[in-house]
Amino acid sequence: MKKLLLSFVLYLVFFASVFGQQQDDLYKKIDYLQVNQTQLDRFLKVADRDLKSGFSSLLKNDDVKGWYLYKVKFPGGEKSNYNFVSITVSSSINDLGDYFSDNNTPGFVPSPTTKGGTEQLSKLATLIKSEIWRVENSAYADTGSTPSRYMSMDYMKVAPGKSPDYLMLEDEIAKPIHLERIEQNQMAGWEVYSLILPSGMNYSYNFATGNHFKELEHFEFGLNEEIIQQTMGENSNVPELFETIYNTRDLIKVELWELIDHLQ
């Protein structure tokens, strides 16, 4: 395994000059929302008008770096108690608290949102839960600022004391493979997140990866044997690699989201 890791050094140096990489000192507030099926059209109209306007004010002042609204595709229906996800990106964890701290405002609505819009959003959407994540690592194709249509969120459980090992695995093994997928136009971007809030032994996951795709068909081209050998060489020990991955973290669940609206 040490030889495998050493073989990535030149590979990473080469790709660093080819692909844009996002600044890693970022935080993401993820709000999981439940919208009644009969109110979907109304919710999307109000979100596009009022929720987007509220976030636009924060972006103009550089208080947040971006906002993204996703529709949960898989799992959906009765398998999940939320069907939309709102993501706020900021370089300051304080801002993620300050602009969502009004007790009279739903937790996913930023404070600059109009009173009328806030009231309508509170009736149309229920906040199921909120999380704050830190971006630990990332890689993106240098294709401009347009976000990809699809994003998969892979939730991981890493045992206490194993976080450094897991992050090293993502950086030294997973990242070069995803860079190869990006080069082959099978992936638009990749990020690793650590969960800041909430936390505790009883929370089912504490890390996640966000995988971005332009086309739904690209989702199936994951960490398969073909892409691993293309990255590491034909003589790479694929079973050993997967054993290392499985011994480092447990994959709790995978969800696929589709981008509905955004600002950045």
C-alpha atoms as a PDB file:
ATOM      1  CA  MET A   1       0.000   0.000   0.000  1.00  0.00           C
ATOM      2  CA  LYS A   2       2.929   2.380   0.667  1.00  0.00           C
ATOM      3  CA  LYS A   3       4.072   1.928  -2.943  1.00  0.00           C
ATOM      4  CA  LEU A   4       0.557   2.762  -4.115  1.00  0.00           C
ATOM      5  CA  LEU A   5       0.563   5.990  -2.121  1.00  0.00           C
ATOM      6  CA  LEU A   6       4.011   7.019  -3.314  1.00  0.00           C
ATOM      7  CA  SER A   7       3.012   6.468  -6.937  1.00  0.00           C
ATOM      8  CA  PHE A   8       0.424   9.249  -6.617  1.00  0.00           C
ATOM      9  CA  VAL A   9       2.866  12.081  -5.869  1.00  0.00           C
ATOM     10  CA  LEU A  10       3.787  12.989  -9.447  1.00  0.00           C
ATOM     11  CA  TYR A  11       0.227  12.282 -10.525  1.00  0.00           C
ATOM     12  CA  LEU A  12      -1.137  14.841  -8.065  1.00  0.00           C
ATOM     13  CA  VAL A  13       1.443  17.447  -9.065  1.00  0.00           C
ATOM     14  CA  PHE A  14       0.406  17.103 -12.704  1.00  0.00           C
ATOM     15  CA  PHE A  15      -3.315  17.356 -12.086  1.00  0.00           C
ATOM     16  CA  ALA A  16      -2.950  20.304  -9.712  1.00  0.00           C
ATOM     17  CA  SER A  17      -1.981  22.403 -12.719  1.00  0.00           C
ATOM     18  CA  VAL A  18      -4.868  21.122 -14.852  1.00  0.00           C
ATOM     19  CA  PHE A  19      -7.879  21.263 -12.566  1.00  0.00           C
ATOM     20  CA  GLY A  20      -9.269  24.094 -10.485  1.00  0.00           C
ATOM     21  CA  GLN A  21      -9.499  23.356  -6.782  1.00  0.00           C
ATOM     22  CA  GLN A  22     -11.926  25.056  -4.448  1.00  0.00           C
ATOM     23  CA  GLN A  23     -10.656  26.880  -1.402  1.00  0.00           C
ATOM     24  CA  ASP A  24     -11.057  24.452   1.478  1.00  0.00           C
ATOM     25  CA  ASP A  25     -11.671  26.907   4.345  1.00  0.00           C
ATOM     26  CA  LEU A  26     -15.406  26.818   3.660  1.00  0.00           C
ATOM     27  CA  TYR A  27     -18.443  25.770   5.664  1.00  0.00           C
ATOM     28  CA  LYS A  28     -21.760  24.473   4.394  1.00  0.00           C
ATOM     29  CA  LYS A  29     -25.075  24.728   6.194  1.00  0.00           C
ATOM     30  CA  ILE A  30     -27.377  21.998   4.919  1.00  0.00           C
ATOM     31  CA  ASP A  31     -31.089  22.339   5.655  1.00  0.00           C
ATOM     32  CA  TYR A  32     -33.313  19.333   4.977  1.00  0.00           C
ATOM     33  CA  LEU A  33     -36.853  20.376   4.037  1.00  0.00           C
ATOM     34  CA  GLN A  34     -40.189  18.621   3.653  1.00  0.00           C
ATOM     35  CA  VAL A  35     -42.619  20.168   1.162  1.00  0.00           C
ATOM     36  CA  ASN A  36     -46.090  18.758   0.632  1.00  0.00           C
ATOM     37  CA  GLN A  37     -46.492  17.314  -2.868  1.00  0.00           C
ATOM     38  CA  THR A  38     -49.558  19.458  -3.467  1.00  0.00           C
ATOM     39  CA  GLN A  39     -47.534  22.606  -2.719  1.00  0.00           C
ATOM     40  CA  LEU A  40     -44.445  21.916  -4.839  1.00  0.00           C
ATOM     41  CA  ASP A  41     -45.157  24.452  -7.576  1.00  0.00           C
ATOM     42  CA  ARG A  42     -46.048  27.135  -5.070  1.00  0.00           C
ATOM     43  CA  PHE A  43     -42.943  26.452  -2.979  1.00  0.00           C
ATOM     44  CA  LEU A  44     -40.649  26.668  -6.016  1.00  0.00           C
ATOM     45  CA  LYS A  45     -42.169  29.993  -7.066  1.00  0.00           C
ATOM     46  CA  VAL A  46     -41.809  31.521  -3.603  1.00  0.00           C
ATOM     47  CA  ALA A  47     -38.287  30.111  -3.228  1.00  0.00           C
ATOM     48  CA  ASP A  48     -37.230  31.551  -6.578  1.00  0.00           C
ATOM     49  CA  ARG A  49     -38.652  34.950  -5.708  1.00  0.00           C
ATOM     50  CA  ASP A  50     -38.258  35.496  -1.960  1.00  0.00           C
ATOM     51  CA  LEU A  51     -35.759  32.927  -0.702  1.00  0.00           C
ATOM     52  CA  LYS A  52     -33.430  33.690  -3.596  1.00  0.00           C
ATOM     53  CA  SER A  53     -33.783  37.418  -2.942  1.00  0.00           C
ATOM     54  CA  GLY A  54     -32.794  36.966   0.702  1.00  0.00           C
ATOM     55  CA  PHE A  55     -29.674  35.022  -0.214  1.00  0.00           C
ATOM     56  CA  SER A  56     -28.864  37.513  -2.972  1.00  0.00           C
ATOM     57  CA  SER A  57     -28.544  40.249  -0.327  1.00  0.00           C
ATOM     58  CA  LEU A  58     -26.031  38.159   1.605  1.00  0.00           C
ATOM     59  CA  LEU A  59     -24.017  37.407  -1.518  1.00  0.00           C
ATOM     60  CA  LYS A  60     -23.805  41.078  -2.434  1.00  0.00           C
ATOM     61  CA  ASN A  61     -22.246  41.812   0.953  1.00  0.00           C
ATOM     62  CA  ASP A  62     -19.985  38.762   0.624  1.00  0.00           C
ATOM     63  CA  ASP A  63     -21.509  37.290   3.779  1.00  0.00           C
ATOM     64  CA  VAL A  64     -22.092  33.986   2.011  1.00  0.00           C
ATOM     65  CA  LYS A  65     -20.359  32.490  -1.016  1.00  0.00           C
ATOM     66  CA  GLY A  66     -23.259  30.620  -2.560  1.00  0.00           C
ATOM     67  CA  TRP A  67     -26.695  29.080  -2.158  1.00  0.00           C
ATOM     68  CA  TYR A  68     -28.062  25.910  -3.770  1.00  0.00           C
ATOM     69  CA  LEU A  69     -31.524  24.342  -3.688  1.00  0.00           C
ATOM     70  CA  TYR A  70     -31.746  20.643  -4.559  1.00  0.00           C
ATOM     71  CA  LYS A  71     -34.652  18.261  -5.092  1.00  0.00           C
ATOM     72  CA  VAL A  72     -34.011  14.878  -3.467  1.00  0.00           C
ATOM     73  CA  LYS A  73     -34.293  12.250  -6.217  1.00  0.00           C
ATOM     74  CA  PHE A  74     -33.102   9.071  -4.481  1.00  0.00           C
ATOM     75  CA  PRO A  75     -34.134   8.089  -1.899  1.00  0.00           C
ATOM     76  CA  GLY A  76     -37.484   9.760  -2.194  1.00  0.00           C
ATOM     77  CA  GLY A  77     -41.095   9.254  -1.223  1.00  0.00           C
ATOM     78  CA  GLU A  78     -41.625   7.269   1.944  1.00  0.00           C
ATOM     79  CA  LYS A  79     -37.935   6.360   2.198  1.00  0.00           C
ATOM     80  CA  SER A  80     -37.037   9.875   3.286  1.00  0.00           C
ATOM     81  CA  ASN A  81     -38.805  12.428   5.469  1.00  0.00           C
ATOM     82  CA  TYR A  82     -37.430  15.352   3.418  1.00  0.00           C
ATOM     83  CA  ASN A  83     -37.620  16.075  -0.306  1.00  0.00           C
ATOM     84  CA  PHE A  84     -35.596  19.280  -0.686  1.00  0.00           C
ATOM     85  CA  VAL A  85     -32.151  20.334   0.502  1.00  0.00           C
ATOM     86  CA  SER A  86     -30.990  23.943   0.862  1.00  0.00           C
ATOM     87  CA  ILE A  87     -27.214  24.505   1.046  1.00  0.00           C
ATOM     88  CA  THR A  88     -25.619  27.769   2.171  1.00  0.00           C
ATOM     89  CA  VAL A  89     -21.855  28.192   1.650  1.00  0.00           C
ATOM     90  CA  SER A  90     -19.756  30.578   3.735  1.00  0.00           C
ATOM     91  CA  SER A  91     -16.148  31.111   4.732  1.00  0.00           C
ATOM     92  CA  SER A  92     -17.313  31.947   8.266  1.00  0.00           C
ATOM     93  CA  ILE A  93     -19.180  29.594  10.554  1.00  0.00           C
ATOM     94  CA  ASN A  94     -20.320  32.662  12.521  1.00  0.00           C
ATOM     95  CA  ASP A  95     -22.218  33.982   9.502  1.00  0.00           C
ATOM     96  CA  LEU A  96     -24.077  30.693   9.225  1.00  0.00           C
ATOM     97  CA  GLY A  97     -25.363  31.314  12.723  1.00  0.00           C
ATOM     98  CA  ASP A  98     -25.870  35.070  12.643  1.00  0.00           C
ATOM     99  CA  TYR A  99     -28.084  35.181   9.555  1.00  0.00           C
ATOM    100  CA  PHE A 100     -30.331  32.292  10.608  1.00  0.00           C
ATOM    101  CA  SER A 101     -30.751  33.117  14.307  1.00  0.00           C
ATOM    102  CA  ASP A 102     -34.160  34.831  14.403  1.00  0.00           C
ATOM    103  CA  ASN A 103     -36.490  32.717  16.549  1.00  0.00           C
ATOM    104  CA  ASN A 104     -39.480  33.876  14.525  1.00  0.00           C
ATOM    105  CA  THR A 105     -37.917  32.808  11.215  1.00  0.00           C
ATOM    106  CA  PRO A 106     -37.718  29.237   9.870  1.00  0.00           C
ATOM    107  CA  GLY A 107     -34.149  28.029  10.238  1.00  0.00           C
ATOM    108  CA  PHE A 108     -33.567  27.715   6.498  1.00  0.00           C
ATOM    109  CA  VAL A 109     -34.664  31.288   5.674  1.00  0.00           C
ATOM    110  CA  PRO A 110     -31.948  33.999   5.877  1.00  0.00           C
ATOM    111  CA  SER A 111     -32.756  37.142   7.835  1.00  0.00           C
ATOM    112  CA  PRO A 112     -32.789  39.543   4.814  1.00  0.00           C
ATOM    113  CA  THR A 113     -35.812  37.703   3.347  1.00  0.00           C
ATOM    114  CA  THR A 114     -38.973  39.818   3.261  1.00  0.00           C
ATOM    115  CA  LYS A 115     -41.579  39.309   5.968  1.00  0.00           C
ATOM    116  CA  GLY A 116     -44.181  38.191   3.448  1.00  0.00           C
ATOM    117  CA  GLY A 117     -41.826  35.698   1.843  1.00  0.00           C
ATOM    118  CA  THR A 118     -40.769  34.350   5.230  1.00  0.00           C
ATOM    119  CA  GLU A 119     -44.390  33.801   6.247  1.00  0.00           C
ATOM    120  CA  GLN A 120     -45.192  31.955   3.034  1.00  0.00           C
ATOM    121  CA  LEU A 121     -42.087  29.779   3.225  1.00  0.00           C
ATOM    122  CA  SER A 122     -42.889  28.831   6.817  1.00  0.00           C
ATOM    123  CA  LYS A 123     -46.268  27.521   5.637  1.00  0.00           C
ATOM    124  CA  LEU A 124     -44.962  25.723   2.562  1.00  0.00           C
ATOM    125  CA  ALA A 125     -41.878  23.965   3.939  1.00  0.00           C
ATOM    126  CA  THR A 126     -41.004  22.214   7.199  1.00  0.00           C
ATOM    127  CA  LEU A 127     -37.405  22.195   8.374  1.00  0.00           C
ATOM    128  CA  ILE A 128     -36.589  18.598   9.326  1.00  0.00           C
ATOM    129  CA  LYS A 129     -33.011  19.164  10.465  1.00  0.00           C
ATOM    130  CA  SER A 130     -29.964  21.398   9.911  1.00  0.00           C
ATOM    131  CA  GLU A 131     -26.283  20.502   9.771  1.00  0.00           C
ATOM    132  CA  ILE A 132     -23.040  22.473   9.456  1.00  0.00           C
ATOM    133  CA  TRP A 133     -20.155  20.850   7.599  1.00  0.00           C
ATOM    134  CA  ARG A 134     -16.562  21.893   6.992  1.00  0.00           C
ATOM    135  CA  VAL A 135     -15.023  21.356   3.550  1.00  0.00           C
ATOM    136  CA  GLU A 136     -11.852  19.312   4.121  1.00  0.00           C
ATOM    137  CA  ASN A 137     -10.780  18.613   0.540  1.00  0.00           C
ATOM    138  CA  SER A 138     -12.016  19.238  -2.990  1.00  0.00           C
ATOM    139  CA  ALA A 139     -11.312  19.046  -6.701  1.00  0.00           C
ATOM    140  CA  TYR A 140     -13.247  20.494  -9.615  1.00  0.00           C
ATOM    141  CA  ALA A 141     -12.939  20.604 -13.357  1.00  0.00           C
ATOM    142  CA  ASP A 142     -11.931  24.082 -14.452  1.00  0.00           C
ATOM    143  CA  THR A 143     -15.137  24.706 -16.405  1.00  0.00           C
ATOM    144  CA  GLY A 144     -16.274  28.024 -14.969  1.00  0.00           C
ATOM    145  CA  SER A 145     -18.824  28.722 -12.269  1.00  0.00           C
ATOM    146  CA  THR A 146     -21.855  26.807 -13.544  1.00  0.00           C
ATOM    147  CA  PRO A 147     -22.752  24.070 -11.016  1.00  0.00           C
ATOM    148  CA  SER A 148     -23.531  20.566 -12.203  1.00  0.00           C
ATOM    149  CA  ARG A 149     -27.089  19.301 -12.447  1.00  0.00           C
ATOM    150  CA  TYR A 150     -26.665  16.342 -10.094  1.00  0.00           C
ATOM    151  CA  MET A 151     -24.978  15.794  -6.753  1.00  0.00           C
ATOM    152  CA  SER A 152     -24.670  12.604  -4.736  1.00  0.00           C
ATOM    153  CA  MET A 153     -24.131  12.853  -0.996  1.00  0.00           C
ATOM    154  CA  ASP A 154     -22.331   9.862   0.521  1.00  0.00           C
ATOM    155  CA  TYR A 155     -22.659   9.793   4.321  1.00  0.00           C
ATOM    156  CA  MET A 156     -19.862   8.052   6.280  1.00  0.00           C
ATOM    157  CA  LYS A 157     -19.335   6.906   9.831  1.00  0.00           C
ATOM    158  CA  VAL A 158     -15.696   7.070  10.924  1.00  0.00           C
ATOM    159  CA  ALA A 159     -14.750   5.551  14.264  1.00  0.00           C
ATOM    160  CA  PRO A 160     -13.336   7.799  17.016  1.00  0.00           C
ATOM    161  CA  GLY A 161      -9.622   8.371  16.505  1.00  0.00           C
ATOM    162  CA  LYS A 162      -9.758   7.293  12.857  1.00  0.00           C
ATOM    163  CA  SER A 163     -10.498  10.701  11.334  1.00  0.00           C
ATOM    164  CA  PRO A 164      -6.851  11.411  10.274  1.00  0.00           C
ATOM    165  CA  ASP A 165      -6.664   7.984   8.612  1.00  0.00           C
ATOM    166  CA  TYR A 166      -9.921   8.566   6.779  1.00  0.00           C
ATOM    167  CA  LEU A 167      -8.913  12.016   5.522  1.00  0.00           C
ATOM    168  CA  MET A 168      -5.548  10.661   4.368  1.00  0.00           C
ATOM    169  CA  LEU A 169      -7.366   7.910   2.478  1.00  0.00           C
ATOM    170  CA  GLU A 170      -9.577  10.454   0.738  1.00  0.00           C
ATOM    171  CA  ASP A 171      -6.609  12.687  -0.121  1.00  0.00           C
ATOM    172  CA  GLU A 172      -4.064  10.076  -1.236  1.00  0.00           C
ATOM    173  CA  ILE A 173      -6.280   7.391  -2.771  1.00  0.00           C
ATOM    174  CA  ALA A 174      -9.768   8.676  -3.571  1.00  0.00           C
ATOM    175  CA  LYS A 175      -8.762  12.133  -4.848  1.00  0.00           C
ATOM    176  CA  PRO A 176      -6.431  10.909  -7.631  1.00  0.00           C
ATOM    177  CA  ILE A 177      -9.135   8.512  -8.809  1.00  0.00           C
ATOM    178  CA  HIS A 178     -11.723  11.293  -8.900  1.00  0.00           C
ATOM    179  CA  LEU A 179      -9.265  13.533 -10.753  1.00  0.00           C
ATOM    180  CA  GLU A 180      -9.030  10.806 -13.383  1.00  0.00           C
ATOM    181  CA  ARG A 181     -12.827  10.667 -13.571  1.00  0.00           C
ATOM    182  CA  ILE A 182     -12.906  14.443 -13.999  1.00  0.00           C
ATOM    183  CA  GLU A 183     -10.355  14.220 -16.812  1.00  0.00           C
ATOM    184  CA  GLN A 184     -12.517  11.602 -18.535  1.00  0.00           C
ATOM    185  CA  ASN A 185     -15.537  13.929 -18.203  1.00  0.00           C
ATOM    186  CA  GLN A 186     -17.326  11.418 -15.984  1.00  0.00           C
ATOM    187  CA  MET A 187     -17.399  13.767 -13.012  1.00  0.00           C
ATOM    188  CA  ALA A 188     -17.693  17.526 -12.502  1.00  0.00           C
ATOM    189  CA  GLY A 189     -16.387  17.836  -8.945  1.00  0.00           C
ATOM    190  CA  TRP A 190     -15.729  16.206  -5.596  1.00  0.00           C
ATOM    191  CA  GLU A 191     -15.598  17.352  -1.974  1.00  0.00           C
ATOM    192  CA  VAL A 192     -14.984  15.831   1.458  1.00  0.00           C
ATOM    193  CA  TYR A 193     -16.875  17.187   4.480  1.00  0.00           C
ATOM    194  CA  SER A 194     -16.524  16.738   8.225  1.00  0.00           C
ATOM    195  CA  LEU A 195     -19.623  17.262  10.350  1.00  0.00           C
ATOM    196  CA  ILE A 196     -19.313  20.158  12.808  1.00  0.00           C
ATOM    197  CA  LEU A 197     -22.891  20.339  14.149  1.00  0.00           C
ATOM    198  CA  PRO A 198     -24.705  18.393  15.431  1.00  0.00           C
ATOM    199  CA  SER A 199     -22.260  15.858  16.838  1.00  0.00           C
ATOM    200  CA  GLY A 200     -22.084  12.994  19.287  1.00  0.00           C
ATOM    201  CA  MET A 201     -21.822   9.252  19.501  1.00  0.00           C
ATOM    202  CA  ASN A 202     -25.497   8.731  18.691  1.00  0.00           C
ATOM    203  CA  TYR A 203     -25.411  10.626  15.377  1.00  0.00           C
ATOM    204  CA  SER A 204     -25.343   8.101  12.565  1.00  0.00           C
ATOM    205  CA  TYR A 205     -22.602   9.764  10.449  1.00  0.00           C
ATOM    206  CA  ASN A 206     -19.766  12.265  10.865  1.00  0.00           C
ATOM    207  CA  PHE A 207     -18.194  12.598   7.400  1.00  0.00           C
ATOM    208  CA  ALA A 208     -19.495  12.813   3.860  1.00  0.00           C
ATOM    209  CA  THR A 209     -18.402  13.230   0.278  1.00  0.00           C
ATOM    210  CA  GLY A 210     -20.201  15.348  -2.287  1.00  0.00           C
ATOM    211  CA  ASN A 211     -19.887  14.097  -5.860  1.00  0.00           C
ATOM    212  CA  HIS A 212     -20.996  16.325  -8.735  1.00  0.00           C
ATOM    213  CA  PHE A 213     -22.146  15.097 -12.150  1.00  0.00           C
ATOM    214  CA  LYS A 214     -23.347  16.778 -15.330  1.00  0.00           C
ATOM    215  CA  GLU A 215     -25.271  13.705 -16.479  1.00  0.00           C
ATOM    216  CA  LEU A 216     -27.123  11.075 -14.480  1.00  0.00           C
ATOM    217  CA  GLU A 217     -25.386   8.274 -16.392  1.00  0.00           C
ATOM    218  CA  HIS A 218     -22.027   9.372 -14.948  1.00  0.00           C
ATOM    219  CA  PHE A 219     -23.185   8.387 -11.471  1.00  0.00           C
ATOM    220  CA  GLU A 220     -22.634   4.688 -12.178  1.00  0.00           C
ATOM    221  CA  PHE A 221     -18.928   5.162 -12.959  1.00  0.00           C
ATOM    222  CA  GLY A 222     -17.641   5.119  -9.401  1.00  0.00           C
ATOM    223  CA  LEU A 223     -14.645   3.478  -7.749  1.00  0.00           C
ATOM    224  CA  ASN A 224     -14.676   0.496 -10.090  1.00  0.00           C
ATOM    225  CA  GLU A 225     -11.752  -1.719 -11.013  1.00  0.00           C
ATOM    226  CA  GLU A 226     -11.288  -0.107 -14.430  1.00  0.00           C
ATOM    227  CA  ILE A 227     -10.851   3.457 -13.199  1.00  0.00           C
ATOM    228  CA  ILE A 228      -8.631   2.292 -10.318  1.00  0.00           C
ATOM    229  CA  GLN A 229      -6.264   0.507 -12.682  1.00  0.00           C
ATOM    230  CA  GLN A 230      -6.223   3.478 -15.037  1.00  0.00           C
ATOM    231  CA  THR A 231      -5.167   5.650 -12.115  1.00  0.00           C
ATOM    232  CA  MET A 232      -2.841   3.330 -10.219  1.00  0.00           C
ATOM    233  CA  GLY A 233      -1.638   0.990 -12.941  1.00  0.00           C
ATOM    234  CA  GLU A 234      -2.779  -2.379 -14.234  1.00  0.00           C
ATOM    235  CA  ASN A 235      -0.884  -4.275 -11.536  1.00  0.00           C
ATOM    236  CA  SER A 236      -2.544  -2.444  -8.634  1.00  0.00           C
ATOM    237  CA  ASN A 237      -4.040  -4.611  -5.911  1.00  0.00           C
ATOM    238  CA  VAL A 238      -7.722  -3.674  -6.139  1.00  0.00           C
ATOM    239  CA  PRO A 239      -8.950  -6.037  -3.372  1.00  0.00           C
ATOM    240  CA  GLU A 240      -6.335  -4.595  -1.008  1.00  0.00           C
ATOM    241  CA  LEU A 241      -7.464  -1.079  -1.854  1.00  0.00           C
ATOM    242  CA  PHE A 242     -11.103  -1.834  -1.109  1.00  0.00           C
ATOM    243  CA  GLU A 243     -10.141  -3.593   2.128  1.00  0.00           C
ATOM    244  CA  THR A 244      -8.311  -0.427   3.197  1.00  0.00           C
ATOM    245  CA  ILE A 245     -11.381   1.673   2.374  1.00  0.00           C
ATOM    246  CA  TYR A 246     -13.799  -0.603   4.227  1.00  0.00           C
ATOM    247  CA  ASN A 247     -11.555  -0.741   7.300  1.00  0.00           C
ATOM    248  CA  THR A 248     -11.471   3.047   7.520  1.00  0.00           C
ATOM    249  CA  ARG A 249     -15.145   4.002   7.348  1.00  0.00           C
ATOM    250  CA  ASP A 250     -18.679   2.644   7.053  1.00  0.00           C
ATOM    251  CA  LEU A 251     -20.842   3.928   4.209  1.00  0.00           C
ATOM    252  CA  ILE A 252     -24.178   4.767   5.890  1.00  0.00           C
ATOM    253  CA  LYS A 253     -26.246   5.913   2.913  1.00  0.00           C
ATOM    254  CA  VAL A 254     -26.083   7.555  -0.512  1.00  0.00           C
ATOM    255  CA  GLU A 255     -28.550  10.136  -1.800  1.00  0.00           C
ATOM    256  CA  LEU A 256     -28.882  11.704  -5.245  1.00  0.00           C
ATOM    257  CA  TRP A 257     -30.004  15.342  -5.508  1.00  0.00           C
ATOM    258  CA  GLU A 258     -30.958  17.417  -8.550  1.00  0.00           C
ATOM    259  CA  LEU A 259     -30.176  21.146  -8.684  1.00  0.00           C
ATOM    260  CA  ILE A 260     -33.297  23.336  -8.818  1.00  0.00           C
ATOM    261  CA  ASP A 261     -31.986  26.850  -8.155  1.00  0.00           C
ATOM    262  CA  HIS A 262     -28.758  28.532  -7.095  1.00  0.00           C
ATOM    263  CA  LEU A 263     -26.780  31.719  -6.542  1.00  0.00           C
ATOM    264  CA  GLN A 264     -22.994  32.034  -6.486  1.00  0.00           C
END
